[in-house]
N, C-alpha and C. Protein backbone atom coordinates (compact mmCIF):
# COMPACT_ATOMS: atom_id res chain seq x y z
N ARG A 1 -112.05 39.09 -40.16
CA ARG A 1 -113.18 39.84 -40.66
C ARG A 1 -113.81 40.69 -39.57
N LEU A 2 -113.84 40.17 -38.37
CA LEU A 2 -114.47 40.90 -37.27
C LEU A 2 -113.72 42.18 -36.93
N CYS A 3 -112.46 42.24 -37.29
CA CYS A 3 -111.64 43.40 -36.94
C CYS A 3 -111.70 44.51 -37.97
N SER A 4 -112.35 44.30 -39.10
CA SER A 4 -112.28 45.27 -40.20
C SER A 4 -112.88 46.64 -39.86
N ALA A 5 -113.75 46.72 -38.89
CA ALA A 5 -114.35 48.00 -38.52
C ALA A 5 -113.51 48.78 -37.52
N TYR A 6 -112.38 48.21 -37.13
CA TYR A 6 -111.57 48.80 -36.07
C TYR A 6 -110.13 49.02 -36.50
N LEU A 7 -109.48 49.90 -35.81
CA LEU A 7 -108.04 50.07 -35.89
C LEU A 7 -107.47 49.52 -34.60
N ILE A 8 -106.47 48.66 -34.69
CA ILE A 8 -105.91 48.02 -33.51
C ILE A 8 -104.43 48.40 -33.41
N GLU A 9 -104.10 49.12 -32.36
CA GLU A 9 -102.70 49.45 -32.10
C GLU A 9 -102.14 48.41 -31.14
N ILE A 10 -101.05 47.80 -31.55
CA ILE A 10 -100.33 46.86 -30.70
C ILE A 10 -99.22 47.67 -30.05
N ALA A 11 -99.38 47.96 -28.78
CA ALA A 11 -98.44 48.82 -28.05
C ALA A 11 -97.58 47.96 -27.13
N GLU A 12 -96.29 47.94 -27.40
CA GLU A 12 -95.35 47.16 -26.59
C GLU A 12 -94.57 48.08 -25.68
N HIS A 13 -94.36 47.63 -24.46
CA HIS A 13 -93.64 48.39 -23.44
C HIS A 13 -92.59 47.49 -22.79
N THR A 14 -91.48 48.09 -22.39
CA THR A 14 -90.44 47.35 -21.67
C THR A 14 -90.31 47.91 -20.26
N ASP A 15 -89.52 47.22 -19.46
CA ASP A 15 -89.18 47.77 -18.15
C ASP A 15 -87.97 48.68 -18.33
N SER A 16 -87.41 49.18 -17.24
CA SER A 16 -86.35 50.18 -17.33
C SER A 16 -84.94 49.61 -17.42
N ARG A 17 -84.82 48.28 -17.39
CA ARG A 17 -83.49 47.70 -17.54
C ARG A 17 -83.02 47.87 -18.97
N GLY A 18 -81.75 48.19 -19.18
CA GLY A 18 -81.22 48.42 -20.51
C GLY A 18 -81.29 49.89 -20.87
N SER A 19 -80.62 50.24 -21.95
CA SER A 19 -80.60 51.65 -22.38
C SER A 19 -81.94 52.02 -23.02
N ASP A 20 -82.18 53.32 -23.10
CA ASP A 20 -83.40 53.81 -23.74
C ASP A 20 -83.49 53.33 -25.18
N ASP A 21 -82.39 53.44 -25.92
CA ASP A 21 -82.38 53.03 -27.32
C ASP A 21 -82.65 51.54 -27.47
N TYR A 22 -82.00 50.74 -26.63
CA TYR A 22 -82.20 49.29 -26.69
C TYR A 22 -83.65 48.94 -26.40
N ASN A 23 -84.22 49.53 -25.36
CA ASN A 23 -85.60 49.22 -24.98
C ASN A 23 -86.60 49.66 -26.05
N LEU A 24 -86.35 50.78 -26.68
CA LEU A 24 -87.22 51.24 -27.76
C LEU A 24 -87.17 50.25 -28.93
N GLN A 25 -85.98 49.84 -29.32
CA GLN A 25 -85.83 48.88 -30.41
C GLN A 25 -86.47 47.53 -30.05
N LEU A 26 -86.25 47.08 -28.83
CA LEU A 26 -86.82 45.81 -28.38
C LEU A 26 -88.35 45.86 -28.41
N SER A 27 -88.91 46.94 -27.94
CA SER A 27 -90.38 47.03 -27.93
C SER A 27 -90.93 47.09 -29.35
N ARG A 28 -90.24 47.74 -30.26
CA ARG A 28 -90.68 47.77 -31.66
C ARG A 28 -90.63 46.38 -32.28
N GLN A 29 -89.57 45.65 -32.00
CA GLN A 29 -89.45 44.28 -32.52
C GLN A 29 -90.56 43.40 -31.98
N ARG A 30 -90.84 43.50 -30.70
CA ARG A 30 -91.91 42.70 -30.11
C ARG A 30 -93.27 43.04 -30.70
N ALA A 31 -93.53 44.33 -30.90
CA ALA A 31 -94.81 44.74 -31.50
C ALA A 31 -94.96 44.17 -32.91
N ASN A 32 -93.88 44.18 -33.67
CA ASN A 32 -93.93 43.63 -35.02
C ASN A 32 -94.16 42.13 -35.02
N VAL A 33 -93.60 41.42 -34.06
CA VAL A 33 -93.81 39.98 -33.96
C VAL A 33 -95.27 39.68 -33.63
N VAL A 34 -95.85 40.43 -32.71
CA VAL A 34 -97.26 40.24 -32.36
C VAL A 34 -98.14 40.55 -33.58
N MET A 35 -97.81 41.62 -34.30
CA MET A 35 -98.59 41.96 -35.47
C MET A 35 -98.52 40.85 -36.51
N GLN A 36 -97.34 40.32 -36.75
CA GLN A 36 -97.19 39.24 -37.72
C GLN A 36 -97.96 37.99 -37.28
N TYR A 37 -97.96 37.70 -36.01
CA TYR A 37 -98.74 36.58 -35.48
C TYR A 37 -100.22 36.75 -35.81
N MET A 38 -100.72 37.96 -35.62
CA MET A 38 -102.13 38.22 -35.90
C MET A 38 -102.44 38.13 -37.39
N VAL A 39 -101.54 38.66 -38.21
CA VAL A 39 -101.72 38.59 -39.67
C VAL A 39 -101.71 37.14 -40.12
N ASP A 40 -100.80 36.35 -39.58
CA ASP A 40 -100.72 34.93 -39.94
C ASP A 40 -102.00 34.18 -39.59
N ARG A 41 -102.76 34.71 -38.67
CA ARG A 41 -104.01 34.06 -38.25
C ARG A 41 -105.25 34.73 -38.84
N GLY A 42 -105.04 35.57 -39.87
CA GLY A 42 -106.16 36.07 -40.63
C GLY A 42 -106.59 37.50 -40.39
N VAL A 43 -105.93 38.21 -39.48
CA VAL A 43 -106.30 39.62 -39.26
C VAL A 43 -105.69 40.45 -40.39
N ASP A 44 -106.48 41.31 -40.98
CA ASP A 44 -106.04 42.17 -42.07
C ASP A 44 -104.96 43.13 -41.56
N GLU A 45 -103.82 43.12 -42.20
CA GLU A 45 -102.70 43.97 -41.78
C GLU A 45 -103.07 45.46 -41.82
N ALA A 46 -104.02 45.82 -42.65
CA ALA A 46 -104.42 47.23 -42.79
C ALA A 46 -105.07 47.78 -41.53
N VAL A 47 -105.58 46.92 -40.66
CA VAL A 47 -106.23 47.40 -39.43
C VAL A 47 -105.26 47.40 -38.24
N LEU A 48 -104.04 46.95 -38.46
CA LEU A 48 -103.07 46.83 -37.37
C LEU A 48 -101.99 47.90 -37.46
N LYS A 49 -101.55 48.33 -36.29
CA LYS A 49 -100.43 49.27 -36.20
C LYS A 49 -99.56 48.81 -35.03
N ALA A 50 -98.31 48.49 -35.32
CA ALA A 50 -97.37 48.05 -34.29
C ALA A 50 -96.54 49.24 -33.82
N VAL A 51 -96.54 49.48 -32.50
CA VAL A 51 -95.81 50.61 -31.94
C VAL A 51 -95.01 50.14 -30.72
N GLY A 52 -93.76 50.54 -30.67
CA GLY A 52 -92.94 50.25 -29.50
C GLY A 52 -92.70 51.53 -28.71
N TYR A 53 -93.01 51.48 -27.44
CA TYR A 53 -92.83 52.65 -26.58
C TYR A 53 -91.62 52.54 -25.66
N GLY A 54 -90.94 51.41 -25.69
CA GLY A 54 -89.80 51.23 -24.80
C GLY A 54 -90.21 51.37 -23.36
N GLU A 55 -89.43 52.12 -22.60
CA GLU A 55 -89.69 52.30 -21.17
C GLU A 55 -90.35 53.64 -20.87
N SER A 56 -90.87 54.31 -21.89
CA SER A 56 -91.35 55.69 -21.74
C SER A 56 -92.70 55.83 -21.04
N GLN A 57 -93.46 54.74 -20.88
CA GLN A 57 -94.79 54.83 -20.28
C GLN A 57 -94.97 53.78 -19.18
N PRO A 58 -94.20 53.88 -18.11
CA PRO A 58 -94.32 52.88 -17.06
C PRO A 58 -95.65 52.98 -16.30
N LEU A 59 -96.15 51.84 -15.89
CA LEU A 59 -97.33 51.82 -15.01
C LEU A 59 -96.91 52.03 -13.57
N ASP A 60 -95.70 51.59 -13.25
CA ASP A 60 -95.17 51.69 -11.89
C ASP A 60 -93.72 52.17 -11.98
N PRO A 61 -93.40 53.36 -11.51
CA PRO A 61 -92.05 53.91 -11.65
C PRO A 61 -91.00 53.30 -10.72
N ALA A 62 -91.41 52.45 -9.81
CA ALA A 62 -90.45 51.85 -8.87
C ALA A 62 -89.49 50.93 -9.61
N ASN A 63 -88.34 50.71 -9.00
CA ASN A 63 -87.34 49.81 -9.58
C ASN A 63 -87.31 48.51 -8.78
N THR A 64 -88.43 47.82 -8.80
CA THR A 64 -88.56 46.55 -8.09
C THR A 64 -88.97 45.47 -9.08
N PRO A 65 -88.78 44.21 -8.73
CA PRO A 65 -89.22 43.14 -9.64
C PRO A 65 -90.71 43.22 -9.97
N GLU A 66 -91.52 43.59 -9.00
CA GLU A 66 -92.96 43.70 -9.22
C GLU A 66 -93.28 44.82 -10.23
N ALA A 67 -92.61 45.95 -10.06
CA ALA A 67 -92.83 47.08 -10.96
C ALA A 67 -92.37 46.72 -12.38
N ARG A 68 -91.23 46.05 -12.50
CA ARG A 68 -90.74 45.66 -13.82
C ARG A 68 -91.73 44.72 -14.51
N MET A 69 -92.34 43.83 -13.76
CA MET A 69 -93.33 42.92 -14.34
C MET A 69 -94.54 43.68 -14.86
N LYS A 70 -94.97 44.71 -14.15
CA LYS A 70 -96.11 45.52 -14.60
C LYS A 70 -95.76 46.32 -15.86
N ASN A 71 -94.54 46.82 -15.91
CA ASN A 71 -94.15 47.73 -16.99
C ASN A 71 -93.85 47.01 -18.29
N GLU A 72 -93.41 45.77 -18.23
CA GLU A 72 -93.14 45.01 -19.44
C GLU A 72 -94.43 44.34 -19.88
N ARG A 73 -95.07 44.93 -20.90
CA ARG A 73 -96.41 44.50 -21.24
C ARG A 73 -96.74 44.78 -22.70
N THR A 74 -97.83 44.15 -23.14
CA THR A 74 -98.42 44.41 -24.44
C THR A 74 -99.82 44.94 -24.21
N GLU A 75 -100.16 46.02 -24.88
CA GLU A 75 -101.51 46.57 -24.80
C GLU A 75 -102.09 46.62 -26.20
N PHE A 76 -103.38 46.36 -26.29
CA PHE A 76 -104.11 46.48 -27.54
C PHE A 76 -105.08 47.65 -27.38
N ARG A 77 -104.89 48.66 -28.19
CA ARG A 77 -105.75 49.84 -28.16
C ARG A 77 -106.65 49.79 -29.39
N VAL A 78 -107.91 49.62 -29.16
CA VAL A 78 -108.87 49.43 -30.24
C VAL A 78 -109.73 50.69 -30.39
N SER A 79 -109.84 51.17 -31.62
CA SER A 79 -110.68 52.33 -31.90
C SER A 79 -111.43 52.09 -33.21
N ALA A 80 -112.53 52.80 -33.37
CA ALA A 80 -113.31 52.70 -34.60
C ALA A 80 -112.51 53.30 -35.76
N ARG A 81 -112.69 52.75 -36.93
CA ARG A 81 -112.00 53.28 -38.13
C ARG A 81 -112.72 54.47 -38.69
């Protein structure tokens, strides 16, 4: 109920390992799983949007273990409806 005034984008990101297509599909699948988790716990599906960005928006462009850890993430972008 508390979320009804907002739109929540579940943005999933991967690191650069794997192909672009694979990472995009993986991030979409992960976003959908997170969205389903939230719906199962009472969040209205109408306020949620699951988006997979793959490796297209890295926080750290380096190819190190530390950079990969930063880039593989889930972000919640909340805006007013």
